N, C-alpha and C. Protein backbone atom coordinates (compact mmCIF):
# COMPACT_ATOMS: atom_id res chain seq x y z
N MET A 1 42.67 35.22 36.27
CA MET A 1 43.73 34.33 36.70
C MET A 1 43.25 32.89 36.60
N ILE A 2 44.06 32.05 36.02
CA ILE A 2 43.75 30.62 35.89
C ILE A 2 44.62 29.85 36.87
N THR A 3 43.98 28.93 37.58
CA THR A 3 44.71 28.05 38.50
C THR A 3 44.65 26.64 37.95
N ALA A 4 45.82 26.03 37.84
CA ALA A 4 45.91 24.62 37.44
C ALA A 4 46.55 23.86 38.58
N ILE A 5 45.98 22.71 38.88
CA ILE A 5 46.53 21.81 39.90
C ILE A 5 47.18 20.67 39.15
N VAL A 6 48.48 20.49 39.35
CA VAL A 6 49.23 19.50 38.58
C VAL A 6 49.70 18.39 39.53
N PHE A 7 49.23 17.17 39.29
CA PHE A 7 49.71 16.00 40.02
C PHE A 7 50.96 15.51 39.33
N VAL A 8 52.01 15.34 40.10
CA VAL A 8 53.31 14.98 39.53
C VAL A 8 53.80 13.66 40.12
N LYS A 9 54.16 12.73 39.25
CA LYS A 9 54.87 11.52 39.67
C LYS A 9 56.33 11.77 39.34
N ALA A 10 57.20 11.41 40.28
CA ALA A 10 58.62 11.70 40.11
C ALA A 10 59.45 10.49 40.50
N ASP A 11 60.69 10.50 40.03
CA ASP A 11 61.67 9.50 40.45
C ASP A 11 61.82 9.64 41.96
N VAL A 12 61.49 8.59 42.70
CA VAL A 12 61.45 8.64 44.16
C VAL A 12 62.77 9.12 44.77
N ALA A 13 63.87 8.76 44.18
CA ALA A 13 65.17 9.15 44.72
C ALA A 13 65.47 10.63 44.51
N ARG A 14 64.66 11.30 43.69
CA ARG A 14 64.94 12.70 43.34
C ARG A 14 63.83 13.67 43.74
N ILE A 15 62.88 13.23 44.54
CA ILE A 15 61.71 14.08 44.85
C ILE A 15 62.10 15.46 45.38
N PRO A 16 63.00 15.59 46.34
CA PRO A 16 63.30 16.95 46.84
C PRO A 16 63.83 17.90 45.77
N GLU A 17 64.76 17.44 44.94
CA GLU A 17 65.29 18.33 43.90
C GLU A 17 64.29 18.58 42.78
N VAL A 18 63.43 17.60 42.49
CA VAL A 18 62.38 17.80 41.50
C VAL A 18 61.41 18.86 42.02
N ALA A 19 61.03 18.77 43.27
CA ALA A 19 60.12 19.75 43.87
C ALA A 19 60.72 21.15 43.83
N GLU A 20 61.99 21.27 44.16
CA GLU A 20 62.64 22.58 44.14
C GLU A 20 62.73 23.15 42.73
N ALA A 21 63.02 22.30 41.75
CA ALA A 21 63.10 22.75 40.37
C ALA A 21 61.74 23.22 39.86
N ILE A 22 60.69 22.49 40.22
CA ILE A 22 59.34 22.89 39.82
C ILE A 22 58.96 24.20 40.49
N ALA A 23 59.25 24.32 41.78
CA ALA A 23 58.91 25.54 42.52
C ALA A 23 59.60 26.77 41.95
N ALA A 24 60.74 26.59 41.31
CA ALA A 24 61.49 27.71 40.75
C ALA A 24 60.94 28.18 39.40
N LEU A 25 60.01 27.43 38.81
CA LEU A 25 59.47 27.81 37.50
C LEU A 25 58.53 29.00 37.62
N ALA A 26 58.65 29.94 36.70
CA ALA A 26 57.71 31.07 36.65
C ALA A 26 56.31 30.53 36.43
N GLY A 27 55.35 31.00 37.20
CA GLY A 27 53.97 30.55 37.09
C GLY A 27 53.59 29.51 38.13
N VAL A 28 54.58 28.89 38.76
CA VAL A 28 54.30 27.91 39.81
C VAL A 28 54.32 28.64 41.15
N SER A 29 53.18 28.60 41.85
CA SER A 29 53.10 29.33 43.12
C SER A 29 53.45 28.47 44.32
N GLU A 30 53.16 27.17 44.25
CA GLU A 30 53.41 26.29 45.38
C GLU A 30 53.66 24.87 44.88
N VAL A 31 54.45 24.13 45.66
CA VAL A 31 54.67 22.71 45.38
C VAL A 31 54.60 21.99 46.73
N TYR A 32 53.83 20.92 46.78
CA TYR A 32 53.67 20.13 48.00
C TYR A 32 54.09 18.69 47.75
N SER A 33 54.82 18.11 48.68
CA SER A 33 55.03 16.66 48.63
C SER A 33 53.84 16.05 49.36
N VAL A 34 53.32 14.95 48.82
CA VAL A 34 52.09 14.36 49.35
C VAL A 34 52.21 12.85 49.43
N THR A 35 51.29 12.25 50.16
CA THR A 35 51.22 10.80 50.22
C THR A 35 50.23 10.32 49.16
N GLY A 36 50.29 9.06 48.85
CA GLY A 36 49.34 8.49 47.91
C GLY A 36 50.01 8.07 46.62
N GLN A 37 49.23 8.04 45.56
CA GLN A 37 49.71 7.54 44.28
C GLN A 37 50.54 8.56 43.51
N ILE A 38 50.54 9.81 43.95
CA ILE A 38 51.37 10.83 43.32
C ILE A 38 52.40 11.31 44.33
N ASP A 39 53.42 11.97 43.86
CA ASP A 39 54.51 12.40 44.73
C ASP A 39 54.44 13.88 45.10
N LEU A 40 54.01 14.70 44.13
CA LEU A 40 53.99 16.14 44.33
C LEU A 40 52.71 16.72 43.75
N ILE A 41 52.26 17.83 44.33
CA ILE A 41 51.19 18.62 43.74
C ILE A 41 51.74 20.02 43.55
N ALA A 42 51.64 20.53 42.32
CA ALA A 42 52.09 21.88 42.01
C ALA A 42 50.87 22.73 41.67
N LEU A 43 50.84 23.94 42.21
CA LEU A 43 49.79 24.89 41.86
C LEU A 43 50.38 25.89 40.88
N VAL A 44 49.74 25.98 39.73
CA VAL A 44 50.17 26.90 38.69
C VAL A 44 49.13 28.00 38.59
N ARG A 45 49.57 29.24 38.70
CA ARG A 45 48.65 30.38 38.60
C ARG A 45 49.17 31.32 37.52
N VAL A 46 48.40 31.41 36.44
CA VAL A 46 48.82 32.20 35.28
C VAL A 46 47.62 32.97 34.71
N ARG A 47 47.87 33.82 33.74
CA ARG A 47 46.82 34.68 33.19
C ARG A 47 45.91 34.00 32.16
N ASP A 48 46.45 33.06 31.39
CA ASP A 48 45.61 32.45 30.36
C ASP A 48 46.02 30.99 30.10
N HIS A 49 45.19 30.31 29.32
CA HIS A 49 45.41 28.89 29.06
C HIS A 49 46.71 28.62 28.31
N ASP A 50 47.11 29.53 27.45
CA ASP A 50 48.37 29.34 26.74
C ASP A 50 49.54 29.29 27.73
N GLU A 51 49.45 30.09 28.79
CA GLU A 51 50.52 30.07 29.80
C GLU A 51 50.51 28.76 30.58
N VAL A 52 49.32 28.18 30.81
CA VAL A 52 49.25 26.86 31.46
C VAL A 52 50.02 25.87 30.61
N ALA A 53 49.77 25.88 29.32
CA ALA A 53 50.46 24.95 28.42
C ALA A 53 51.95 25.19 28.44
N SER A 54 52.34 26.45 28.46
CA SER A 54 53.77 26.77 28.48
C SER A 54 54.44 26.27 29.75
N VAL A 55 53.81 26.52 30.89
CA VAL A 55 54.41 26.12 32.17
C VAL A 55 54.43 24.60 32.29
N VAL A 56 53.29 23.95 32.03
CA VAL A 56 53.19 22.51 32.27
C VAL A 56 53.87 21.71 31.16
N ALA A 57 53.47 21.91 29.93
CA ALA A 57 53.98 21.09 28.83
C ALA A 57 55.40 21.43 28.44
N ASP A 58 55.73 22.71 28.46
CA ASP A 58 57.05 23.11 27.98
C ASP A 58 58.13 23.14 29.05
N LYS A 59 57.73 23.26 30.31
CA LYS A 59 58.74 23.39 31.37
C LYS A 59 58.64 22.30 32.43
N LEU A 60 57.49 22.23 33.11
CA LEU A 60 57.36 21.30 34.24
C LEU A 60 57.58 19.86 33.81
N ASN A 61 56.97 19.46 32.69
CA ASN A 61 57.12 18.08 32.21
C ASN A 61 58.56 17.73 31.84
N LYS A 62 59.37 18.75 31.61
CA LYS A 62 60.75 18.52 31.19
C LYS A 62 61.76 18.62 32.32
N VAL A 63 61.27 18.83 33.55
CA VAL A 63 62.17 18.83 34.70
C VAL A 63 62.73 17.42 34.87
N PRO A 64 64.05 17.28 34.94
CA PRO A 64 64.63 15.95 35.13
C PRO A 64 64.09 15.29 36.41
N GLY A 65 63.62 14.07 36.27
CA GLY A 65 63.05 13.34 37.40
C GLY A 65 61.54 13.27 37.39
N VAL A 66 60.88 14.13 36.59
CA VAL A 66 59.42 14.04 36.45
C VAL A 66 59.12 12.88 35.52
N THR A 67 58.29 11.94 35.99
CA THR A 67 57.96 10.78 35.16
C THR A 67 56.60 10.90 34.49
N SER A 68 55.65 11.62 35.14
CA SER A 68 54.34 11.86 34.52
C SER A 68 53.63 12.97 35.28
N THR A 69 52.64 13.57 34.58
CA THR A 69 51.83 14.61 35.22
C THR A 69 50.37 14.42 34.83
N GLU A 70 49.50 14.97 35.65
CA GLU A 70 48.06 15.03 35.36
C GLU A 70 47.61 16.41 35.79
N THR A 71 47.05 17.18 34.85
CA THR A 71 46.71 18.57 35.11
C THR A 71 45.19 18.76 35.21
N HIS A 72 44.78 19.51 36.23
CA HIS A 72 43.37 19.84 36.44
C HIS A 72 43.25 21.36 36.47
N ILE A 73 42.32 21.90 35.68
CA ILE A 73 42.08 23.34 35.65
C ILE A 73 40.94 23.65 36.62
N ALA A 74 41.15 24.62 37.50
CA ALA A 74 40.11 25.02 38.46
C ALA A 74 39.11 25.94 37.76
N PHE A 75 37.81 25.70 38.00
CA PHE A 75 36.76 26.56 37.46
C PHE A 75 36.46 27.73 38.40
N ARG A 76 36.25 27.41 39.68
CA ARG A 76 35.89 28.41 40.67
C ARG A 76 36.67 28.16 41.96
N ALA A 77 36.90 29.24 42.69
CA ALA A 77 37.48 29.13 44.03
C ALA A 77 36.36 29.39 45.03
N TYR A 78 36.14 28.47 45.93
CA TYR A 78 35.08 28.62 46.92
C TYR A 78 35.59 29.12 48.25
N SER A 79 36.88 29.08 48.45
CA SER A 79 37.44 29.65 49.67
C SER A 79 38.74 30.33 49.29
N GLN A 80 38.94 31.47 49.87
CA GLN A 80 40.19 32.17 49.64
C GLN A 80 40.70 32.57 51.01
N HIS A 81 41.87 32.10 51.35
CA HIS A 81 42.41 32.44 52.64
C HIS A 81 43.78 33.01 52.47
N ASP A 82 44.06 33.95 53.30
CA ASP A 82 45.34 34.63 53.30
C ASP A 82 46.25 33.88 54.26
N LEU A 83 47.16 33.08 53.72
CA LEU A 83 48.02 32.27 54.58
C LEU A 83 48.87 33.13 55.51
N GLU A 84 49.26 34.31 55.06
CA GLU A 84 50.07 35.16 55.92
C GLU A 84 49.30 35.53 57.18
N SER A 85 48.03 35.90 57.04
CA SER A 85 47.26 36.27 58.23
C SER A 85 46.90 35.04 59.05
N ALA A 86 46.72 33.90 58.38
CA ALA A 86 46.38 32.68 59.12
C ALA A 86 47.52 32.26 60.05
N PHE A 87 48.76 32.53 59.64
CA PHE A 87 49.90 32.13 60.44
C PHE A 87 50.51 33.30 61.21
N SER A 88 49.82 34.44 61.21
CA SER A 88 50.32 35.62 61.89
C SER A 88 50.33 35.39 63.40
N LEU A 89 51.37 35.90 64.03
CA LEU A 89 51.49 35.79 65.47
C LEU A 89 50.88 36.98 66.19
N GLY A 90 50.36 37.94 65.43
CA GLY A 90 49.74 39.12 66.04
C GLY A 90 50.75 40.07 66.64
N LEU A 91 51.92 40.15 66.07
CA LEU A 91 52.98 40.99 66.61
C LEU A 91 53.06 42.33 65.89
N ASP A 92 51.91 42.97 65.68
CA ASP A 92 51.91 44.25 64.97
C ASP A 92 52.44 45.36 65.82
């Protein structure tokens, strides 16, 4: 599995709908709105590098309101946490 972290700059007036459109793309697991010089961070998790290109270059970059992207490919994961268990209320 390949993980790509995509920094997204978007039209400020359209950030919520841009985030939702990106989140709906196959291969995108999460989208976060963030502070700083970028507007959104998208996590792309796919099987191979060709799929990264397909998701980012062919789809994500073409979402209306996306003005630019910067993609980083992850080499290794040093922590893996199960968000479901982290937020579990223990109501088994």
